[in-house]
N, C-alpha and C. Protein backbone atom coordinates (compact mmCIF):
# COMPACT_ATOMS: atom_id res chain seq x y z
N MET A 1 50.33 -45.62 72.47
CA MET A 1 49.84 -46.17 71.82
C MET A 1 48.21 -46.73 70.88
N GLN A 2 47.38 -46.74 72.45
CA GLN A 2 46.06 -46.08 72.24
C GLN A 2 45.24 -44.79 71.99
N ARG A 3 45.86 -44.04 72.28
CA ARG A 3 45.36 -42.49 71.31
C ARG A 3 45.84 -43.00 69.60
N ARG A 4 46.90 -43.51 69.54
CA ARG A 4 46.98 -43.82 67.81
C ARG A 4 45.96 -44.10 67.72
N ALA A 5 45.85 -44.93 68.26
CA ALA A 5 44.73 -46.23 67.30
C ALA A 5 42.98 -45.27 67.52
N ARG A 6 42.69 -44.90 68.33
CA ARG A 6 41.16 -43.72 68.93
C ARG A 6 41.87 -43.73 67.70
N ILE A 7 42.93 -42.09 67.18
CA ILE A 7 42.92 -41.60 65.64
C ILE A 7 42.26 -41.80 64.65
N ALA A 8 43.93 -42.82 64.88
CA ALA A 8 43.22 -44.34 63.08
C ALA A 8 41.53 -44.42 62.82
N LEU A 9 40.60 -45.08 64.36
CA LEU A 9 40.04 -45.71 64.55
C LEU A 9 38.60 -44.19 63.59
N ALA A 10 39.34 -42.74 64.23
CA ALA A 10 38.30 -41.76 63.73
C ALA A 10 38.83 -41.16 61.93
N LEU A 11 39.85 -40.99 61.43
CA LEU A 11 40.31 -41.23 60.43
C LEU A 11 39.05 -41.96 59.70
N TRP A 12 39.50 -43.60 59.93
CA TRP A 12 38.70 -44.83 59.28
C TRP A 12 37.51 -44.19 59.03
N ILE A 13 36.59 -44.15 60.10
CA ILE A 13 35.25 -43.49 60.90
C ILE A 13 35.00 -42.15 59.28
N THR A 14 35.75 -40.94 59.62
CA THR A 14 35.44 -40.11 58.83
C THR A 14 35.55 -40.27 57.25
N TRP A 15 36.38 -40.83 56.79
CA TRP A 15 36.40 -41.39 55.97
C TRP A 15 35.15 -42.27 54.91
N ALA A 16 34.71 -43.58 55.95
CA ALA A 16 33.75 -43.91 55.35
C ALA A 16 32.25 -43.51 55.17
N LEU A 17 32.18 -42.32 56.26
CA LEU A 17 31.22 -41.52 56.07
C LEU A 17 31.65 -40.38 54.35
N VAL A 18 32.52 -39.71 54.53
CA VAL A 18 32.72 -39.45 52.79
C VAL A 18 32.36 -39.50 51.97
N ALA A 19 32.62 -41.51 51.84
CA ALA A 19 32.85 -41.97 51.08
C ALA A 19 31.63 -42.04 51.10
N TRP A 20 30.16 -42.92 51.85
CA TRP A 20 29.35 -42.32 51.52
C TRP A 20 28.79 -41.98 50.99
N ASN A 21 28.38 -39.88 51.43
CA ASN A 21 28.78 -39.52 50.58
C ASN A 21 28.46 -39.00 49.23
N VAL A 22 29.92 -39.71 48.99
CA VAL A 22 30.08 -39.70 47.51
C VAL A 22 29.75 -40.14 46.58
N VAL A 23 29.45 -41.24 47.52
CA VAL A 23 29.02 -42.68 46.46
C VAL A 23 26.67 -42.34 46.21
N PHE A 24 27.04 -42.08 47.67
CA PHE A 24 25.27 -42.40 47.35
C PHE A 24 25.00 -40.41 46.39
N ASP A 25 25.82 -40.22 46.21
CA ASP A 25 25.81 -38.83 45.54
C ASP A 25 26.12 -38.43 44.14
N HIS A 26 26.74 -39.33 43.54
CA HIS A 26 26.89 -40.07 42.51
C HIS A 26 25.51 -40.43 42.05
N VAL A 27 25.57 -41.72 42.65
CA VAL A 27 24.33 -42.29 42.18
C VAL A 27 23.45 -41.84 42.19
N ILE A 28 22.81 -40.98 42.66
CA ILE A 28 21.27 -39.72 42.16
C ILE A 28 21.59 -38.63 41.03
N GLU A 29 23.10 -37.81 41.13
CA GLU A 29 23.50 -37.34 39.63
C GLU A 29 23.54 -38.56 37.96
N VAL A 30 23.94 -39.33 38.54
CA VAL A 30 23.69 -40.26 37.18
C VAL A 30 22.37 -40.49 37.02
N ALA A 31 21.47 -41.38 38.47
CA ALA A 31 19.89 -41.13 37.45
C ALA A 31 19.44 -40.39 37.25
N ALA A 32 19.56 -38.30 37.20
CA ALA A 32 19.29 -37.61 37.16
C ALA A 32 19.47 -37.52 35.90
N ARG A 33 20.86 -37.89 35.48
CA ARG A 33 21.12 -37.25 34.14
C ARG A 33 20.31 -37.69 33.31
N ARG A 34 20.18 -39.66 33.50
CA ARG A 34 19.23 -39.66 32.91
C ARG A 34 17.70 -39.98 32.77
N TYR A 35 17.86 -39.44 33.67
CA TYR A 35 16.02 -38.97 33.38
C TYR A 35 15.95 -37.32 32.40
N LEU A 36 16.59 -37.26 32.84
CA LEU A 36 17.09 -35.95 31.84
C LEU A 36 16.89 -35.92 30.50
N HIS A 37 18.24 -36.85 30.27
CA HIS A 37 17.74 -37.70 29.02
C HIS A 37 16.40 -38.31 29.13
N ALA A 38 15.26 -39.01 28.84
CA ALA A 38 14.77 -39.38 29.34
C ALA A 38 13.37 -38.83 28.33
N ALA A 39 13.35 -37.30 29.68
CA ALA A 39 12.50 -36.20 29.66
C ALA A 39 12.56 -35.72 28.03
N GLY A 40 14.22 -34.92 27.88
CA GLY A 40 14.30 -34.49 26.18
C GLY A 40 14.26 -36.07 25.47
N LEU A 41 14.05 -37.32 25.39
CA LEU A 41 13.34 -37.76 24.13
C LEU A 41 11.92 -37.90 24.93
N ALA A 42 11.49 -37.72 25.63
CA ALA A 42 10.28 -37.75 25.57
C ALA A 42 9.31 -36.32 24.66
N ALA A 43 10.01 -35.53 25.18
CA ALA A 43 9.52 -34.20 24.74
C ALA A 43 9.90 -34.13 23.15
N GLN A 44 10.44 -34.66 22.62
CA GLN A 44 11.02 -34.83 21.27
C GLN A 44 9.55 -35.55 20.66
N ALA A 45 9.80 -36.41 21.03
CA ALA A 45 9.13 -37.40 19.88
C ALA A 45 7.50 -36.93 20.85
N GLY A 46 6.96 -36.69 21.53
CA GLY A 46 6.17 -36.28 21.81
C GLY A 46 5.17 -36.76 22.07
N GLY A 47 5.99 -38.02 22.78
CA GLY A 47 5.91 -39.36 23.51
C GLY A 47 5.12 -38.80 25.21
N PRO A 48 4.55 -39.67 26.26
CA PRO A 48 4.17 -39.27 27.94
C PRO A 48 5.03 -38.78 28.14
N TYR A 49 5.10 -37.76 29.38
CA TYR A 49 6.26 -37.09 30.12
C TYR A 49 6.62 -37.66 30.86
N ALA A 50 7.62 -38.18 31.12
CA ALA A 50 8.37 -39.14 32.19
C ALA A 50 8.35 -38.33 32.57
N ARG A 51 8.13 -38.92 33.86
CA ARG A 51 7.88 -38.30 35.47
C ARG A 51 9.09 -38.63 35.90
N ILE A 52 9.85 -38.22 37.06
CA ILE A 52 10.73 -37.54 37.31
C ILE A 52 10.71 -38.99 39.34
N ASP A 53 9.61 -38.69 38.81
CA ASP A 53 9.60 -40.02 40.30
C ASP A 53 9.75 -41.02 39.11
N ALA A 54 9.48 -41.81 38.82
CA ALA A 54 9.40 -43.09 38.49
C ALA A 54 11.11 -43.37 38.30
N TRP A 55 12.18 -42.24 37.89
CA TRP A 55 13.19 -42.52 37.73
C TRP A 55 14.44 -42.90 39.93
N MET A 56 13.65 -40.68 40.20
CA MET A 56 14.03 -41.68 41.17
C MET A 56 14.31 -41.91 41.74
N ARG A 57 13.00 -42.25 42.68
CA ARG A 57 12.73 -43.40 43.98
C ARG A 57 13.75 -44.48 43.49
N PRO A 58 13.34 -44.38 42.49
CA PRO A 58 14.63 -46.65 43.04
C PRO A 58 16.37 -46.10 42.97
N ALA A 59 16.31 -44.90 42.31
CA ALA A 59 17.50 -44.88 43.20
C ALA A 59 17.79 -43.74 43.88
N VAL A 60 17.15 -43.78 44.44
CA VAL A 60 17.47 -43.48 46.02
C VAL A 60 17.54 -45.05 46.20
N ALA A 61 16.32 -45.57 46.71
CA ALA A 61 16.85 -46.55 47.30
C ALA A 61 18.71 -47.41 46.93
N THR A 62 18.37 -47.51 45.58
CA THR A 62 20.20 -48.06 45.00
C THR A 62 20.83 -47.82 45.73
N GLY A 63 20.85 -46.80 45.57
CA GLY A 63 21.72 -45.31 46.59
C GLY A 63 22.15 -45.56 47.60
N LEU A 64 21.83 -45.58 48.44
CA LEU A 64 20.92 -46.53 50.10
C LEU A 64 22.03 -47.40 50.33
N TRP A 65 21.64 -48.26 49.55
CA TRP A 65 22.35 -49.49 49.59
C TRP A 65 23.61 -49.86 48.83
N ILE A 66 23.85 -49.13 48.13
CA ILE A 66 25.40 -49.01 48.03
C ILE A 66 26.65 -48.25 48.61
N ALA A 67 25.87 -47.46 48.69
CA ALA A 67 26.49 -45.90 50.04
C ALA A 67 26.26 -46.40 51.48
N SER A 68 25.95 -47.30 51.53
CA SER A 68 26.36 -48.25 53.11
C SER A 68 27.04 -49.34 52.80
N LEU A 69 27.22 -50.32 51.93
CA LEU A 69 27.76 -51.72 51.21
C LEU A 69 29.09 -50.82 52.24
N SER A 70 29.33 -49.10 50.54
CA SER A 70 31.04 -49.28 50.37
C SER A 70 31.52 -48.35 52.07
N ALA A 71 30.72 -47.79 53.00
CA ALA A 71 30.49 -47.20 54.30
C ALA A 71 31.04 -48.24 54.76
N ALA A 72 30.74 -49.58 54.55
CA ALA A 72 30.46 -50.58 55.83
C ALA A 72 31.65 -51.22 55.09
N THR A 73 32.08 -52.00 54.34
CA THR A 73 33.06 -52.26 54.23
C THR A 73 34.58 -51.61 54.13
N ILE A 74 34.88 -49.94 54.18
CA ILE A 74 35.61 -48.98 54.69
C ILE A 74 36.28 -49.41 56.20
N LEU A 75 34.63 -49.17 57.22
CA LEU A 75 34.96 -49.27 58.45
C LEU A 75 35.28 -51.59 58.87
N ILE A 76 34.56 -52.63 57.62
CA ILE A 76 34.94 -53.37 59.02
C ILE A 76 37.00 -52.92 58.77
N ILE A 77 37.51 -52.92 56.94
CA ILE A 77 38.65 -53.24 57.36
C ILE A 77 39.12 -52.11 57.88
N GLY A 78 38.67 -51.08 58.56
CA GLY A 78 39.48 -49.66 58.96
C GLY A 78 39.68 -50.46 61.20
N ILE A 79 39.14 -51.23 61.53
CA ILE A 79 38.08 -51.57 61.77
C ILE A 79 39.66 -53.05 62.15
N ALA A 80 39.24 -53.26 61.30
CA ALA A 80 39.87 -55.05 61.40
C ALA A 80 41.87 -54.66 61.53
N GLY A 81 42.09 -53.52 61.10
CA GLY A 81 43.40 -52.94 60.40
C GLY A 81 43.65 -51.93 61.81
N VAL A 82 43.20 -51.65 62.11
CA VAL A 82 43.70 -50.87 63.59
C VAL A 82 43.50 -51.65 65.17
N ARG A 83 42.73 -52.82 65.21
CA ARG A 83 43.16 -54.30 65.58
C ARG A 83 44.12 -54.84 65.79
N LEU A 84 44.64 -54.91 65.09
CA LEU A 84 45.76 -55.76 64.21
C LEU A 84 47.45 -55.37 64.66
N ALA A 85 46.93 -53.37 63.78
CA ALA A 85 48.32 -52.48 64.78
C ALA A 85 48.04 -51.92 66.13
N ALA A 86 47.15 -52.39 66.80
CA ALA A 86 47.43 -52.96 68.16
C ALA A 86 47.77 -53.49 68.49
N ALA A 87 47.50 -54.75 68.05
CA ALA A 87 47.92 -56.12 68.85
C ALA A 87 49.16 -56.51 68.39
N ARG A 88 50.03 -56.07 67.55
CA ARG A 88 50.77 -55.75 66.93
C ARG A 88 52.31 -55.21 67.77
N SER A 89 51.61 -54.17 68.17
CA SER A 89 52.13 -53.08 68.78
C SER A 89 52.77 -53.13 70.62
N ARG A 90 51.27 -54.57 71.13
CA ARG A 90 51.71 -54.21 72.05
C ARG A 90 52.86 -55.03 72.72
N PRO A 91 53.60 -55.32 73.23
CA PRO A 91 54.83 -55.21 74.10
C PRO A 91 54.55 -56.97 74.62
N CYS A 92 55.05 -57.96 73.86
CA CYS A 92 55.35 -59.34 75.04
C CYS A 92 55.60 -59.62 75.84
N ALA A 93 54.35 -60.24 77.18
CA ALA A 93 53.83 -60.54 78.07
C ALA A 93 54.85 -62.17 78.41
């Protein structure tokens, strides 16, 4: 059973890494779209130029936090589930 538990744990870790990447990418993509919209509106209105740094720096920080919390949640659930399953599969002595 220990081999199965290691494989399950490796899969949970892989899932957490993939989820981290997806969540971070999504936050960055949404911020980029919002920036492009704001830059287009600023260009049409003839107002001051919309600076990308003002939009993307906060998005990176927010993305890091949200992605890390998502991955940590997946890892906590995965580790707890693997431990619970491993404990239930052990024969009672």
